[in-house]
Amino acid sequence: MAIFQLEIADADVERVFGAICSNYGWPENIPNPEYVVDDVVIDPDNPTVIPAPIIPLDVAGNPILPTIPNPETQGDFTHRIVRQFLSEHVEAHEINVAKRAAAAAVSASVVITDPDA
């Protein structure tokens, strides 16, 4: 298997990762899979008040936050996007080559005449 490498100057790594992450939508925080709100507090004395969600707690009684830091680092995200970019370009190129080959193999000529001429 071939290895394709890039070298980025140390001073530019954060800039490159930051640009790719910004342009391709890497979120700094993601939804916390452990944040589950399934009950609400209802005031029986005033049912017209909008119920407030019960904040979930961990086993130690600490609130579970609705988001967590993204476990996919900016570097991992950038590598994934570059691999995706290369794959998409190979696929697009090969589809175009196949379309041109298919079109070239088709005889599209027809004979149409005017019977009154």
C-alpha atoms as a PDB file:
ATOM      1  CA  MET A   1       0.000   0.000   0.000  1.00  0.00           C
ATOM      2  CA  ALA A   2       1.274   3.473  -0.804  1.00  0.00           C
ATOM      3  CA  ILE A   3       1.597   6.160   1.832  1.00  0.00           C
ATOM      4  CA  PHE A   4       0.734   9.729   0.899  1.00  0.00           C
ATOM      5  CA  GLN A   5       2.178  12.300   3.273  1.00  0.00           C
ATOM      6  CA  LEU A   6       2.042  16.043   3.688  1.00  0.00           C
ATOM      7  CA  GLU A   7       4.354  18.196   5.717  1.00  0.00           C
ATOM      8  CA  ILE A   8       2.946  21.325   7.292  1.00  0.00           C
ATOM      9  CA  ALA A   9       5.201  23.836   9.008  1.00  0.00           C
ATOM     10  CA  ASP A  10       4.713  23.780  12.779  1.00  0.00           C
ATOM     11  CA  ALA A  11       3.693  27.436  12.689  1.00  0.00           C
ATOM     12  CA  ASP A  12       0.903  26.633  10.191  1.00  0.00           C
ATOM     13  CA  VAL A  13      -0.601  23.439  11.646  1.00  0.00           C
ATOM     14  CA  GLU A  14      -3.212  25.232  13.762  1.00  0.00           C
ATOM     15  CA  ARG A  15      -4.092  27.494  10.833  1.00  0.00           C
ATOM     16  CA  VAL A  16      -4.586  24.541   8.464  1.00  0.00           C
ATOM     17  CA  PHE A  17      -6.573  22.483  10.968  1.00  0.00           C
ATOM     18  CA  GLY A  18      -8.616  25.543  11.966  1.00  0.00           C
ATOM     19  CA  ALA A  19      -9.433  26.364   8.341  1.00  0.00           C
ATOM     20  CA  ILE A  20     -10.479  22.791   7.459  1.00  0.00           C
ATOM     21  CA  CYS A  21     -12.515  22.469  10.669  1.00  0.00           C
ATOM     22  CA  SER A  22     -14.243  25.785  10.030  1.00  0.00           C
ATOM     23  CA  ASN A  23     -14.897  25.151   6.337  1.00  0.00           C
ATOM     24  CA  TYR A  24     -16.193  21.604   6.857  1.00  0.00           C
ATOM     25  CA  GLY A  25     -18.177  22.161  10.058  1.00  0.00           C
ATOM     26  CA  TRP A  26     -16.220  20.445  12.855  1.00  0.00           C
ATOM     27  CA  PRO A  27     -18.166  21.178  16.062  1.00  0.00           C
ATOM     28  CA  GLU A  28     -16.153  21.981  19.177  1.00  0.00           C
ATOM     29  CA  ASN A  29     -18.905  20.402  21.279  1.00  0.00           C
ATOM     30  CA  ILE A  30     -21.302  17.584  20.432  1.00  0.00           C
ATOM     31  CA  PRO A  31     -24.515  16.342  22.066  1.00  0.00           C
ATOM     32  CA  ASN A  32     -23.804  14.356  25.218  1.00  0.00           C
ATOM     33  CA  PRO A  33     -25.197  10.829  24.719  1.00  0.00           C
ATOM     34  CA  GLU A  34     -25.670  10.549  28.490  1.00  0.00           C
ATOM     35  CA  TYR A  35     -27.830  13.679  28.636  1.00  0.00           C
ATOM     36  CA  VAL A  36     -31.333  12.243  28.638  1.00  0.00           C
ATOM     37  CA  VAL A  37     -34.294  14.348  29.661  1.00  0.00           C
ATOM     38  CA  ASP A  38     -37.420  12.237  29.866  1.00  0.00           C
ATOM     39  CA  ASP A  39     -39.361  13.719  32.757  1.00  0.00           C
ATOM     40  CA  VAL A  40     -40.681  17.172  33.556  1.00  0.00           C
ATOM     41  CA  VAL A  41     -41.557  18.923  36.785  1.00  0.00           C
ATOM     42  CA  ILE A  42     -45.212  19.964  36.767  1.00  0.00           C
ATOM     43  CA  ASP A  43     -46.555  22.400  39.323  1.00  0.00           C
ATOM     44  CA  PRO A  44     -49.938  20.917  40.366  1.00  0.00           C
ATOM     45  CA  ASP A  45     -50.978  24.307  41.788  1.00  0.00           C
ATOM     46  CA  ASN A  46     -50.405  26.102  38.483  1.00  0.00           C
ATOM     47  CA  PRO A  47     -50.745  23.748  35.481  1.00  0.00           C
ATOM     48  CA  THR A  48     -50.539  26.683  33.046  1.00  0.00           C
ATOM     49  CA  VAL A  49     -46.826  27.145  33.795  1.00  0.00           C
ATOM     50  CA  ILE A  50     -44.629  25.510  31.163  1.00  0.00           C
ATOM     51  CA  PRO A  51     -42.987  22.445  32.716  1.00  0.00           C
ATOM     52  CA  ALA A  52     -39.238  22.640  33.247  1.00  0.00           C
ATOM     53  CA  PRO A  53     -37.102  19.645  32.312  1.00  0.00           C
ATOM     54  CA  ILE A  54     -35.501  17.707  35.118  1.00  0.00           C
ATOM     55  CA  ILE A  55     -31.728  18.109  34.750  1.00  0.00           C
ATOM     56  CA  PRO A  56     -30.134  14.658  34.629  1.00  0.00           C
ATOM     57  CA  LEU A  57     -27.514  13.850  37.257  1.00  0.00           C
ATOM     58  CA  ASP A  58     -24.592  11.445  37.252  1.00  0.00           C
ATOM     59  CA  VAL A  59     -24.105   8.819  39.999  1.00  0.00           C
ATOM     60  CA  ALA A  60     -22.311  11.406  42.172  1.00  0.00           C
ATOM     61  CA  GLY A  61     -25.249  13.811  41.880  1.00  0.00           C
ATOM     62  CA  ASN A  62     -23.508  16.232  39.516  1.00  0.00           C
ATOM     63  CA  PRO A  63     -25.479  17.686  36.600  1.00  0.00           C
ATOM     64  CA  ILE A  64     -24.890  15.982  33.258  1.00  0.00           C
ATOM     65  CA  LEU A  65     -24.198  18.633  30.649  1.00  0.00           C
ATOM     66  CA  PRO A  66     -26.155  18.609  27.368  1.00  0.00           C
ATOM     67  CA  THR A  67     -22.935  18.783  25.330  1.00  0.00           C
ATOM     68  CA  ILE A  68     -19.421  17.409  25.678  1.00  0.00           C
ATOM     69  CA  PRO A  69     -16.145  18.326  23.980  1.00  0.00           C
ATOM     70  CA  ASN A  70     -15.864  16.687  20.580  1.00  0.00           C
ATOM     71  CA  PRO A  71     -13.820  13.483  21.003  1.00  0.00           C
ATOM     72  CA  GLU A  72     -12.692  13.728  17.356  1.00  0.00           C
ATOM     73  CA  THR A  73      -9.675  16.031  17.448  1.00  0.00           C
ATOM     74  CA  GLN A  74      -9.203  18.732  14.851  1.00  0.00           C
ATOM     75  CA  GLY A  75      -6.274  16.718  13.487  1.00  0.00           C
ATOM     76  CA  ASP A  76      -8.339  13.531  13.176  1.00  0.00           C
ATOM     77  CA  PHE A  77     -11.168  15.497  11.551  1.00  0.00           C
ATOM     78  CA  THR A  78      -8.765  17.123   9.065  1.00  0.00           C
ATOM     79  CA  HIS A  79      -7.286  13.738   8.135  1.00  0.00           C
ATOM     80  CA  ARG A  80     -10.777  12.308   7.636  1.00  0.00           C
ATOM     81  CA  ILE A  81     -11.823  15.242   5.454  1.00  0.00           C
ATOM     82  CA  VAL A  82      -8.663  14.949   3.311  1.00  0.00           C
ATOM     83  CA  ARG A  83      -9.287  11.205   2.823  1.00  0.00           C
ATOM     84  CA  GLN A  84     -12.926  11.941   1.968  1.00  0.00           C
ATOM     85  CA  PHE A  85     -11.836  14.689  -0.458  1.00  0.00           C
ATOM     86  CA  LEU A  86      -9.441  12.339  -2.258  1.00  0.00           C
ATOM     87  CA  SER A  87     -12.000   9.524  -2.418  1.00  0.00           C
ATOM     88  CA  GLU A  88     -14.710  11.815  -3.784  1.00  0.00           C
ATOM     89  CA  HIS A  89     -12.389  13.137  -6.484  1.00  0.00           C
ATOM     90  CA  VAL A  90     -11.321   9.647  -7.572  1.00  0.00           C
ATOM     91  CA  GLU A  91     -14.972   8.578  -7.721  1.00  0.00           C
ATOM     92  CA  ALA A  92     -16.007  11.669  -9.722  1.00  0.00           C
ATOM     93  CA  HIS A  93     -13.120  11.208 -12.153  1.00  0.00           C
ATOM     94  CA  GLU A  94     -13.789   7.512 -12.699  1.00  0.00           C
ATOM     95  CA  ILE A  95     -17.508   8.142 -13.234  1.00  0.00           C
ATOM     96  CA  ASN A  96     -16.683  10.799 -15.842  1.00  0.00           C
ATOM     97  CA  VAL A  97     -14.246   8.451 -17.603  1.00  0.00           C
ATOM     98  CA  ALA A  98     -16.883   5.693 -17.628  1.00  0.00           C
ATOM     99  CA  LYS A  99     -19.527   8.090 -18.997  1.00  0.00           C
ATOM    100  CA  ARG A 100     -17.219   9.222 -21.801  1.00  0.00           C
ATOM    101  CA  ALA A 101     -16.338   5.607 -22.638  1.00  0.00           C
ATOM    102  CA  ALA A 102     -20.003   4.591 -22.642  1.00  0.00           C
ATOM    103  CA  ALA A 103     -20.937   7.545 -24.866  1.00  0.00           C
ATOM    104  CA  ALA A 104     -18.112   6.766 -27.276  1.00  0.00           C
ATOM    105  CA  ALA A 105     -19.250   3.137 -27.542  1.00  0.00           C
ATOM    106  CA  VAL A 106     -22.818   4.068 -28.510  1.00  0.00           C
ATOM    107  CA  SER A 107     -23.716   4.462 -32.134  1.00  0.00           C
ATOM    108  CA  ALA A 108     -26.121   7.355 -31.970  1.00  0.00           C
ATOM    109  CA  SER A 109     -26.443   7.976 -35.670  1.00  0.00           C
ATOM    110  CA  VAL A 110     -29.797   7.402 -37.301  1.00  0.00           C
ATOM    111  CA  VAL A 111     -30.995   7.759 -40.836  1.00  0.00           C
ATOM    112  CA  ILE A 112     -34.016  10.022 -41.176  1.00  0.00           C
ATOM    113  CA  THR A 113     -35.231  11.098 -44.592  1.00  0.00           C
ATOM    114  CA  ASP A 114     -38.136  13.024 -45.998  1.00  0.00           C
ATOM    115  CA  PRO A 115     -40.215  10.500 -47.998  1.00  0.00           C
ATOM    116  CA  ASP A 116     -41.712  13.334 -50.036  1.00  0.00           C
ATOM    117  CA  ALA A 117     -38.363  14.655 -51.221  1.00  0.00           C
END
